[in-house]
Amino acid sequence: MKCWVPLRQSGFTLLELIVVMVLIGITASFSVPQLGGFLVADQMKTTMRRLVGIVYQTSELARRGQVAYLLRYKAVENRFEAVPETMAEGAGQKENDKTLSLSVPESVMVGQIWSWYGGVQGNDEGSIRFSPQGYIEPTVLYLQRDDGHEMSLVLSPFLATVRVLDSHVVPDASLFAQ
């Protein structure tokens, strides 16, 4: 003889589902603005890492070819490009002759470029000169977000020390001695 046991109806009530959805909404409302700030900050950090990479690549190009190079920033195009110094002066420069370039996202602004002997360069255009041996003069490059947060890229002459600082730094001799 078989005995039938009635199945129990189990599940969530409508009230329980509504409470859970409200809690998820409240949690999301706190996390979404922070996530947006994280993505913008991440773009600035990514740009800084890519900038460090193009600095090292430009130094290597100069050293390999024994030719002075310029890493130029063009605000109109919002990008950096590395070209031999002779081409930067306009002698036979063609669009396809550019060896390296880095586009900067719109959410990141390039501030000033400061160099030891050249001083502050304008926001529209600036350049970092690499000697034929791949050396540069002490340089600080500033990146900035719309909310005012800045990062500084500190380049020492022999590129043995490249530092990325999460603030605006005032250039002095002690900054490059470390």
N, C-alpha and C. Protein backbone atom coordinates (compact mmCIF):
# COMPACT_ATOMS: atom_id res chain seq x y z
N MET A 1 0.82 -1.15 0.00
CA MET A 1 0.00 0.00 0.00
C MET A 1 0.88 1.24 0.00
N LYS A 2 0.57 2.17 -0.86
CA LYS A 2 1.34 3.40 -0.98
C LYS A 2 0.68 4.50 -0.20
N CYS A 3 1.52 5.26 0.45
CA CYS A 3 1.03 6.38 1.24
C CYS A 3 1.41 7.67 0.53
N TRP A 4 0.48 8.51 0.31
CA TRP A 4 0.75 9.79 -0.33
C TRP A 4 0.90 10.86 0.73
N VAL A 5 2.07 11.57 0.63
CA VAL A 5 2.31 12.68 1.55
C VAL A 5 2.08 13.96 0.76
N PRO A 6 1.25 14.82 1.27
CA PRO A 6 1.00 16.06 0.52
C PRO A 6 2.29 16.90 0.42
N LEU A 7 2.57 17.45 -0.78
CA LEU A 7 3.75 18.31 -0.97
C LEU A 7 3.51 19.64 -0.31
N ARG A 8 4.57 20.11 0.32
CA ARG A 8 4.48 21.40 0.99
C ARG A 8 4.79 22.50 -0.01
N GLN A 9 4.03 23.51 -0.06
CA GLN A 9 4.29 24.64 -0.92
C GLN A 9 5.33 25.54 -0.24
N SER A 10 6.48 25.71 -0.87
CA SER A 10 7.50 26.58 -0.28
C SER A 10 7.89 27.63 -1.30
N GLY A 11 8.39 28.74 -0.85
CA GLY A 11 8.79 29.83 -1.73
C GLY A 11 8.86 31.12 -0.94
N PHE A 12 9.02 32.21 -1.68
CA PHE A 12 9.12 33.51 -1.04
C PHE A 12 7.82 34.27 -1.24
N THR A 13 7.49 35.04 -0.27
CA THR A 13 6.30 35.86 -0.41
C THR A 13 6.65 37.11 -1.19
N LEU A 14 5.66 37.76 -1.71
CA LEU A 14 5.87 38.99 -2.47
C LEU A 14 6.54 40.05 -1.60
N LEU A 15 6.19 40.12 -0.35
CA LEU A 15 6.78 41.09 0.57
C LEU A 15 8.28 40.83 0.74
N GLU A 16 8.66 39.59 0.86
CA GLU A 16 10.09 39.26 1.01
C GLU A 16 10.87 39.64 -0.24
N LEU A 17 10.31 39.39 -1.40
CA LEU A 17 10.98 39.75 -2.66
C LEU A 17 11.12 41.26 -2.79
N ILE A 18 10.11 42.01 -2.41
CA ILE A 18 10.18 43.48 -2.48
C ILE A 18 11.26 44.00 -1.54
N VAL A 19 11.35 43.47 -0.33
CA VAL A 19 12.36 43.92 0.63
C VAL A 19 13.77 43.65 0.08
N VAL A 20 13.97 42.48 -0.50
CA VAL A 20 15.29 42.16 -1.06
C VAL A 20 15.63 43.10 -2.22
N MET A 21 14.68 43.38 -3.09
CA MET A 21 14.92 44.29 -4.21
C MET A 21 15.25 45.71 -3.73
N VAL A 22 14.57 46.17 -2.69
CA VAL A 22 14.86 47.50 -2.13
C VAL A 22 16.28 47.53 -1.56
N LEU A 23 16.69 46.48 -0.86
CA LEU A 23 18.04 46.42 -0.31
C LEU A 23 19.10 46.41 -1.42
N ILE A 24 18.85 45.68 -2.48
CA ILE A 24 19.78 45.67 -3.61
C ILE A 24 19.86 47.06 -4.24
N GLY A 25 18.74 47.75 -4.38
CA GLY A 25 18.72 49.10 -4.93
C GLY A 25 19.49 50.09 -4.08
N ILE A 26 19.34 49.99 -2.77
CA ILE A 26 20.06 50.90 -1.87
C ILE A 26 21.56 50.64 -1.95
N THR A 27 21.95 49.38 -1.96
CA THR A 27 23.37 49.04 -2.08
C THR A 27 23.95 49.54 -3.39
N ALA A 28 23.22 49.37 -4.48
CA ALA A 28 23.69 49.83 -5.78
C ALA A 28 23.81 51.35 -5.83
N SER A 29 22.89 52.06 -5.18
CA SER A 29 22.96 53.52 -5.21
C SER A 29 24.20 54.05 -4.52
N PHE A 30 24.74 53.31 -3.56
CA PHE A 30 25.98 53.73 -2.90
C PHE A 30 27.22 53.34 -3.70
N SER A 31 27.16 52.23 -4.40
CA SER A 31 28.36 51.73 -5.07
C SER A 31 28.57 52.30 -6.47
N VAL A 32 27.52 52.68 -7.18
CA VAL A 32 27.66 53.16 -8.55
C VAL A 32 28.47 54.44 -8.65
N PRO A 33 28.27 55.48 -7.83
CA PRO A 33 29.13 56.67 -7.94
C PRO A 33 30.60 56.35 -7.67
N GLN A 34 30.88 55.48 -6.73
CA GLN A 34 32.26 55.11 -6.45
C GLN A 34 32.86 54.33 -7.61
N LEU A 35 32.06 53.51 -8.26
CA LEU A 35 32.53 52.76 -9.41
C LEU A 35 32.89 53.70 -10.55
N GLY A 36 32.07 54.74 -10.76
CA GLY A 36 32.36 55.73 -11.80
C GLY A 36 33.67 56.45 -11.54
N GLY A 37 33.91 56.84 -10.30
CA GLY A 37 35.18 57.48 -9.95
C GLY A 37 36.35 56.55 -10.12
N PHE A 38 36.14 55.28 -9.83
CA PHE A 38 37.20 54.29 -9.99
C PHE A 38 37.58 54.13 -11.46
N LEU A 39 36.57 54.12 -12.34
CA LEU A 39 36.86 53.96 -13.76
C LEU A 39 37.64 55.14 -14.31
N VAL A 40 37.29 56.37 -13.90
CA VAL A 40 38.03 57.55 -14.35
C VAL A 40 39.45 57.53 -13.79
N ALA A 41 39.58 57.18 -12.51
CA ALA A 41 40.91 57.11 -11.91
C ALA A 41 41.72 56.03 -12.59
N ASP A 42 41.07 54.94 -12.94
CA ASP A 42 41.77 53.85 -13.60
C ASP A 42 42.27 54.29 -14.97
N GLN A 43 41.49 55.11 -15.69
CA GLN A 43 41.94 55.62 -16.98
C GLN A 43 43.18 56.49 -16.82
N MET A 44 43.22 57.29 -15.76
CA MET A 44 44.39 58.14 -15.54
C MET A 44 45.61 57.28 -15.20
N LYS A 45 45.43 56.27 -14.38
CA LYS A 45 46.55 55.38 -14.04
C LYS A 45 47.00 54.59 -15.25
N THR A 46 46.07 54.14 -16.06
CA THR A 46 46.42 53.41 -17.27
C THR A 46 47.18 54.31 -18.23
N THR A 47 46.73 55.54 -18.38
CA THR A 47 47.43 56.50 -19.23
C THR A 47 48.84 56.74 -18.71
N MET A 48 48.98 56.85 -17.40
CA MET A 48 50.31 57.07 -16.81
C MET A 48 51.22 55.87 -17.09
N ARG A 49 50.69 54.65 -16.93
CA ARG A 49 51.50 53.46 -17.21
C ARG A 49 51.91 53.40 -18.68
N ARG A 50 50.98 53.73 -19.57
CA ARG A 50 51.31 53.72 -20.99
C ARG A 50 52.32 54.82 -21.33
N LEU A 51 52.22 55.94 -20.63
CA LEU A 51 53.17 57.04 -20.83
C LEU A 51 54.58 56.63 -20.40
N VAL A 52 54.67 55.94 -19.27
CA VAL A 52 55.98 55.43 -18.83
C VAL A 52 56.54 54.48 -19.89
N GLY A 53 55.69 53.65 -20.46
CA GLY A 53 56.12 52.72 -21.51
C GLY A 53 56.65 53.43 -22.73
N ILE A 54 55.96 54.48 -23.18
CA ILE A 54 56.42 55.19 -24.37
C ILE A 54 57.70 55.98 -24.08
N VAL A 55 57.90 56.42 -22.83
CA VAL A 55 59.15 57.09 -22.46
C VAL A 55 60.31 56.10 -22.59
N TYR A 56 60.14 54.91 -22.06
CA TYR A 56 61.20 53.89 -22.17
C TYR A 56 61.44 53.49 -23.62
N GLN A 57 60.39 53.35 -24.41
CA GLN A 57 60.55 52.98 -25.81
C GLN A 57 61.26 54.07 -26.60
N THR A 58 60.93 55.33 -26.33
CA THR A 58 61.59 56.43 -27.02
C THR A 58 63.07 56.49 -26.65
N SER A 59 63.38 56.27 -25.38
CA SER A 59 64.78 56.24 -24.95
C SER A 59 65.54 55.13 -25.67
N GLU A 60 64.91 53.98 -25.80
CA GLU A 60 65.55 52.86 -26.48
C GLU A 60 65.75 53.15 -27.97
N LEU A 61 64.78 53.80 -28.61
CA LEU A 61 64.93 54.18 -30.02
C LEU A 61 66.10 55.14 -30.20
N ALA A 62 66.19 56.12 -29.32
CA ALA A 62 67.30 57.09 -29.41
C ALA A 62 68.64 56.39 -29.23
N ARG A 63 68.70 55.51 -28.24
CA ARG A 63 69.96 54.80 -27.94
C ARG A 63 70.35 53.86 -29.10
N ARG A 64 69.37 53.15 -29.63
CA ARG A 64 69.66 52.20 -30.72
C ARG A 64 70.11 52.91 -31.98
N GLY A 65 69.43 53.99 -32.34
CA GLY A 65 69.76 54.71 -33.57
C GLY A 65 70.80 55.80 -33.40
N GLN A 66 71.20 56.06 -32.14
CA GLN A 66 72.13 57.16 -31.85
C GLN A 66 71.66 58.47 -32.48
N VAL A 67 70.35 58.74 -32.31
CA VAL A 67 69.70 59.93 -32.84
C VAL A 67 68.89 60.56 -31.72
N ALA A 68 68.94 61.89 -31.63
CA ALA A 68 68.12 62.59 -30.63
C ALA A 68 66.64 62.47 -31.02
N TYR A 69 65.80 62.21 -30.02
CA TYR A 69 64.36 62.08 -30.23
C TYR A 69 63.61 63.09 -29.39
N LEU A 70 62.41 63.42 -29.82
CA LEU A 70 61.50 64.25 -29.03
C LEU A 70 60.22 63.46 -28.79
N LEU A 71 59.76 63.48 -27.56
CA LEU A 71 58.44 62.96 -27.23
C LEU A 71 57.56 64.19 -27.08
N ARG A 72 56.76 64.46 -28.11
CA ARG A 72 55.97 65.69 -28.17
C ARG A 72 54.54 65.43 -27.75
N TYR A 73 53.96 66.42 -27.07
CA TYR A 73 52.53 66.39 -26.76
C TYR A 73 51.84 67.44 -27.60
N LYS A 74 50.78 67.02 -28.29
CA LYS A 74 49.98 67.94 -29.09
C LYS A 74 48.57 67.97 -28.50
N ALA A 75 48.21 69.10 -27.92
CA ALA A 75 46.91 69.22 -27.26
C ALA A 75 45.76 69.13 -28.25
N VAL A 76 45.95 69.63 -29.45
CA VAL A 76 44.90 69.61 -30.46
C VAL A 76 44.48 68.17 -30.76
N GLU A 77 45.48 67.28 -30.86
CA GLU A 77 45.21 65.87 -31.14
C GLU A 77 45.08 65.06 -29.85
N ASN A 78 45.43 65.65 -28.71
CA ASN A 78 45.41 65.01 -27.40
C ASN A 78 46.21 63.70 -27.42
N ARG A 79 47.45 63.82 -27.89
CA ARG A 79 48.30 62.63 -27.94
C ARG A 79 49.77 62.99 -27.90
N PHE A 80 50.54 61.99 -27.51
CA PHE A 80 52.00 62.08 -27.52
C PHE A 80 52.50 61.35 -28.74
N GLU A 81 53.61 61.85 -29.30
CA GLU A 81 54.25 61.14 -30.40
C GLU A 81 55.76 61.29 -30.27
N ALA A 82 56.45 60.22 -30.59
CA ALA A 82 57.91 60.21 -30.53
C ALA A 82 58.44 60.26 -31.95
N VAL A 83 59.26 61.28 -32.22
CA VAL A 83 59.84 61.44 -33.55
C VAL A 83 61.31 61.84 -33.40
N PRO A 84 62.13 61.48 -34.39
CA PRO A 84 63.51 61.97 -34.34
C PRO A 84 63.52 63.50 -34.36
N GLU A 85 64.48 64.09 -33.67
CA GLU A 85 64.52 65.55 -33.55
C GLU A 85 64.63 66.23 -34.91
N THR A 86 65.31 65.63 -35.85
CA THR A 86 65.44 66.23 -37.18
C THR A 86 64.09 66.28 -37.88
N MET A 87 63.25 65.26 -37.67
CA MET A 87 61.91 65.26 -38.28
C MET A 87 61.00 66.25 -37.58
N ALA A 88 61.19 66.47 -36.29
CA ALA A 88 60.35 67.39 -35.54
C ALA A 88 60.51 68.81 -36.03
N GLU A 89 61.68 69.09 -36.62
CA GLU A 89 61.91 70.43 -37.15
C GLU A 89 61.23 70.64 -38.49
N GLY A 90 60.60 69.58 -39.03
CA GLY A 90 59.84 69.72 -40.26
C GLY A 90 60.56 69.25 -41.50
N ALA A 91 61.77 68.74 -41.39
CA ALA A 91 62.53 68.30 -42.55
C ALA A 91 62.03 66.94 -43.01
N GLY A 92 61.19 66.95 -44.02
CA GLY A 92 60.73 65.70 -44.62
C GLY A 92 59.81 64.86 -43.74
N GLN A 93 59.10 65.47 -42.87
CA GLN A 93 58.23 64.72 -41.97
C GLN A 93 56.98 64.27 -42.70
N LYS A 94 56.69 62.99 -42.60
CA LYS A 94 55.49 62.42 -43.20
C LYS A 94 54.69 61.76 -42.10
N GLU A 95 53.41 61.62 -42.31
CA GLU A 95 52.53 61.03 -41.30
C GLU A 95 52.94 59.60 -40.97
N ASN A 96 53.38 58.83 -41.95
CA ASN A 96 53.74 57.44 -41.69
C ASN A 96 55.13 57.28 -41.11
N ASP A 97 55.91 58.37 -40.98
CA ASP A 97 57.24 58.30 -40.40
C ASP A 97 57.23 58.32 -38.88
N LYS A 98 56.10 58.60 -38.25
CA LYS A 98 56.03 58.66 -36.80
C LYS A 98 56.22 57.26 -36.25
N THR A 99 57.12 57.14 -35.31
CA THR A 99 57.46 55.81 -34.83
C THR A 99 56.58 55.34 -33.69
N LEU A 100 56.28 56.20 -32.75
CA LEU A 100 55.46 55.83 -31.60
C LEU A 100 54.44 56.93 -31.34
N SER A 101 53.26 56.53 -30.87
CA SER A 101 52.29 57.54 -30.46
C SER A 101 51.40 56.97 -29.36
N LEU A 102 50.84 57.86 -28.57
CA LEU A 102 49.96 57.48 -27.46
C LEU A 102 48.82 58.49 -27.40
N SER A 103 47.61 58.01 -27.64
CA SER A 103 46.42 58.87 -27.53
C SER A 103 46.00 58.92 -26.07
N VAL A 104 45.66 60.11 -25.61
CA VAL A 104 45.25 60.32 -24.23
C VAL A 104 43.72 60.35 -24.19
N PRO A 105 43.07 59.59 -23.29
CA PRO A 105 41.61 59.61 -23.21
C PRO A 105 41.10 61.01 -22.88
N GLU A 106 39.88 61.30 -23.29
CA GLU A 106 39.29 62.63 -23.06
C GLU A 106 39.10 62.94 -21.58
N SER A 107 38.95 61.92 -20.76
CA SER A 107 38.74 62.14 -19.33
C SER A 107 40.03 62.54 -18.61
N VAL A 108 41.16 62.44 -19.30
CA VAL A 108 42.46 62.77 -18.71
C VAL A 108 43.01 63.99 -19.43
N MET A 109 43.44 64.98 -18.65
CA MET A 109 44.04 66.18 -19.23
C MET A 109 45.53 66.19 -18.92
N VAL A 110 46.32 66.55 -19.91
CA VAL A 110 47.75 66.70 -19.70
C VAL A 110 47.98 68.12 -19.25
N GLY A 111 48.58 68.25 -18.08
CA GLY A 111 48.89 69.57 -17.54
C GLY A 111 50.20 70.07 -18.12
N GLN A 112 50.98 70.67 -17.31
CA GLN A 112 52.25 71.22 -17.76
C GLN A 112 53.32 70.13 -17.84
N ILE A 113 54.32 70.43 -18.64
CA ILE A 113 55.53 69.62 -18.68
C ILE A 113 56.65 70.53 -18.18
N TRP A 114 57.30 70.12 -17.11
CA TRP A 114 58.38 70.92 -16.53
C TRP A 114 59.69 70.20 -16.77
N SER A 115 60.70 70.93 -17.23
CA SER A 115 62.03 70.33 -17.39
C SER A 115 63.06 71.24 -16.73
N TRP A 116 64.16 70.63 -16.32
CA TRP A 116 65.18 71.31 -15.52
C TRP A 116 65.71 72.56 -16.22
N TYR A 117 66.07 72.45 -17.50
CA TYR A 117 66.65 73.59 -18.21
C TYR A 117 65.60 74.38 -18.99
N GLY A 118 64.52 73.74 -19.39
CA GLY A 118 63.52 74.41 -20.20
C GLY A 118 62.43 75.09 -19.39
N GLY A 119 62.30 74.74 -18.10
CA GLY A 119 61.25 75.31 -17.28
C GLY A 119 59.89 74.76 -17.64
N VAL A 120 58.86 75.55 -17.41
CA VAL A 120 57.48 75.12 -17.66
C VAL A 120 57.14 75.33 -19.12
N GLN A 121 56.60 74.29 -19.74
CA GLN A 121 56.13 74.39 -21.12
C GLN A 121 54.62 74.54 -21.08
N GLY A 122 54.07 75.18 -22.08
CA GLY A 122 52.64 75.46 -22.10
C GLY A 122 51.78 74.21 -22.17
N ASN A 123 50.48 74.39 -21.94
CA ASN A 123 49.55 73.28 -21.96
C ASN A 123 49.20 72.83 -23.37
N ASP A 124 49.40 73.70 -24.37
CA ASP A 124 49.03 73.35 -25.74
C ASP A 124 50.01 72.37 -26.37
N GLU A 125 51.28 72.62 -26.20
CA GLU A 125 52.29 71.72 -26.74
C GLU A 125 53.48 71.71 -25.81
N GLY A 126 54.14 70.61 -25.78
CA GLY A 126 55.35 70.46 -24.99
C GLY A 126 56.11 69.26 -25.50
N SER A 127 57.36 69.17 -25.09
CA SER A 127 58.15 68.02 -25.55
C SER A 127 59.21 67.66 -24.51
N ILE A 128 59.60 66.41 -24.58
CA ILE A 128 60.69 65.89 -23.76
C ILE A 128 61.76 65.44 -24.74
N ARG A 129 62.98 65.98 -24.58
CA ARG A 129 64.07 65.66 -25.51
C ARG A 129 64.91 64.51 -24.97
N PHE A 130 65.19 63.55 -25.84
CA PHE A 130 66.05 62.42 -25.52
C PHE A 130 67.35 62.59 -26.30
N SER A 131 68.49 62.49 -25.62
CA SER A 131 69.78 62.60 -26.29
C SER A 131 70.03 61.33 -27.12
N PRO A 132 71.02 61.38 -28.01
CA PRO A 132 71.33 60.17 -28.78
C PRO A 132 71.70 58.96 -27.91
N GLN A 133 72.09 59.21 -26.66
CA GLN A 133 72.39 58.11 -25.73
C GLN A 133 71.14 57.65 -24.97
N GLY A 134 69.99 58.31 -25.20
CA GLY A 134 68.75 57.93 -24.55
C GLY A 134 68.50 58.65 -23.24
N TYR A 135 69.34 59.63 -22.89
CA TYR A 135 69.17 60.36 -21.64
C TYR A 135 68.23 61.54 -21.83
N ILE A 136 67.63 61.99 -20.72
CA ILE A 136 66.79 63.18 -20.75
C ILE A 136 67.20 64.09 -19.60
N GLU A 137 66.79 65.34 -19.67
CA GLU A 137 67.00 66.21 -18.51
C GLU A 137 65.91 65.91 -17.49
N PRO A 138 66.15 66.21 -16.22
CA PRO A 138 65.12 65.96 -15.21
C PRO A 138 63.80 66.62 -15.62
N THR A 139 62.73 65.84 -15.60
CA THR A 139 61.44 66.30 -16.13
C THR A 139 60.30 65.84 -15.22
N VAL A 140 59.29 66.68 -15.10
CA VAL A 140 58.06 66.30 -14.41
C VAL A 140 56.90 66.58 -15.36
N LEU A 141 56.04 65.59 -15.53
CA LEU A 141 54.87 65.72 -16.38
C LEU A 141 53.63 65.51 -15.51
N TYR A 142 52.63 66.36 -15.69
CA TYR A 142 51.43 66.32 -14.84
C TYR A 142 50.21 65.87 -15.64
N LEU A 143 49.44 64.94 -15.08
CA LEU A 143 48.15 64.55 -15.62
C LEU A 143 47.08 64.96 -14.62
N GLN A 144 45.89 65.30 -15.11
CA GLN A 144 44.83 65.79 -14.23
C GLN A 144 43.47 65.28 -14.71
N ARG A 145 42.58 65.03 -13.74
CA ARG A 145 41.19 64.68 -14.03
C ARG A 145 40.33 65.93 -13.93
N ASP A 146 39.08 65.80 -14.35
CA ASP A 146 38.13 66.92 -14.26
C ASP A 146 37.88 67.37 -12.84
N ASP A 147 37.95 66.44 -11.88
CA ASP A 147 37.68 66.81 -10.48
C ASP A 147 38.89 67.45 -9.80
N GLY A 148 39.99 67.64 -10.55
CA GLY A 148 41.15 68.33 -10.00
C GLY A 148 42.25 67.41 -9.48
N HIS A 149 41.99 66.11 -9.39
CA HIS A 149 43.01 65.18 -8.91
C HIS A 149 44.16 65.11 -9.92
N GLU A 150 45.39 65.20 -9.40
CA GLU A 150 46.56 65.19 -10.28
C GLU A 150 47.50 64.04 -9.95
N MET A 151 48.23 63.63 -10.96
CA MET A 151 49.32 62.67 -10.81
C MET A 151 50.54 63.29 -11.49
N SER A 152 51.72 62.97 -10.95
CA SER A 152 52.96 63.49 -11.50
C SER A 152 53.85 62.35 -11.93
N LEU A 153 54.47 62.50 -13.09
CA LEU A 153 55.44 61.55 -13.59
C LEU A 153 56.81 62.22 -13.49
N VAL A 154 57.68 61.68 -12.64
CA VAL A 154 59.00 62.26 -12.40
C VAL A 154 60.02 61.41 -13.14
N LEU A 155 60.72 62.03 -14.09
CA LEU A 155 61.71 61.33 -14.90
C LEU A 155 63.10 61.82 -14.54
N SER A 156 63.97 60.91 -14.13
CA SER A 156 65.34 61.28 -13.83
C SER A 156 66.18 61.19 -15.11
N PRO A 157 67.36 61.82 -15.13
CA PRO A 157 68.13 61.91 -16.36
C PRO A 157 68.46 60.57 -17.03
N PHE A 158 68.80 59.57 -16.27
CA PHE A 158 69.24 58.32 -16.87
C PHE A 158 68.12 57.29 -16.93
N LEU A 159 66.91 57.69 -16.56
CA LEU A 159 65.72 56.85 -16.55
C LEU A 159 65.89 55.62 -15.67
N ALA A 160 66.87 55.68 -14.76
CA ALA A 160 67.02 54.59 -13.80
C ALA A 160 65.88 54.65 -12.79
N THR A 161 65.39 55.85 -12.54
CA THR A 161 64.28 56.02 -11.61
C THR A 161 63.18 56.81 -12.30
N VAL A 162 62.07 56.15 -12.50
CA VAL A 162 60.87 56.81 -13.01
C VAL A 162 59.83 56.63 -11.92
N ARG A 163 59.34 57.75 -11.40
CA ARG A 163 58.38 57.66 -10.30
C ARG A 163 57.05 58.26 -10.72
N VAL A 164 55.99 57.58 -10.30
CA VAL A 164 54.63 58.08 -10.50
C VAL A 164 54.09 58.43 -9.13
N LEU A 165 53.75 59.70 -8.94
CA LEU A 165 53.25 60.18 -7.65
C LEU A 165 51.79 60.56 -7.78
N ASP A 166 51.01 60.25 -6.78
CA ASP A 166 49.57 60.47 -6.81
C ASP A 166 49.21 61.87 -6.31
N SER A 167 49.99 62.87 -6.72
CA SER A 167 49.72 64.25 -6.33
C SER A 167 50.53 65.18 -7.23
N HIS A 168 50.29 66.46 -7.08
CA HIS A 168 51.08 67.48 -7.79
C HIS A 168 52.34 67.73 -6.97
N VAL A 169 53.50 67.61 -7.58
CA VAL A 169 54.75 67.84 -6.88
C VAL A 169 55.42 69.09 -7.41
N VAL A 170 56.12 69.77 -6.51
CA VAL A 170 56.89 70.94 -6.90
C VAL A 170 58.31 70.46 -7.21
N PRO A 171 58.79 70.70 -8.43
CA PRO A 171 60.11 70.20 -8.79
C PRO A 171 61.22 70.92 -8.04
N ASP A 172 62.16 70.16 -7.49
CA ASP A 172 63.38 70.70 -6.91
C ASP A 172 64.45 69.61 -7.01
N ALA A 173 65.67 69.95 -6.64
CA ALA A 173 66.79 69.02 -6.79
C ALA A 173 66.60 67.75 -5.97
N SER A 174 65.99 67.84 -4.82
CA SER A 174 65.82 66.66 -3.96
C SER A 174 64.85 65.65 -4.58
N LEU A 175 63.95 66.12 -5.43
CA LEU A 175 62.98 65.23 -6.07
C LEU A 175 63.68 64.25 -7.01
N PHE A 176 64.76 64.69 -7.64
CA PHE A 176 65.45 63.84 -8.60
C PHE A 176 66.61 63.08 -7.98
N ALA A 177 66.97 63.41 -6.75
CA ALA A 177 68.09 62.75 -6.08
C ALA A 177 67.71 61.39 -5.52
N GLN A 178 66.43 61.11 -5.38
CA GLN A 178 65.99 59.86 -4.75
C GLN A 178 66.06 58.69 -5.69
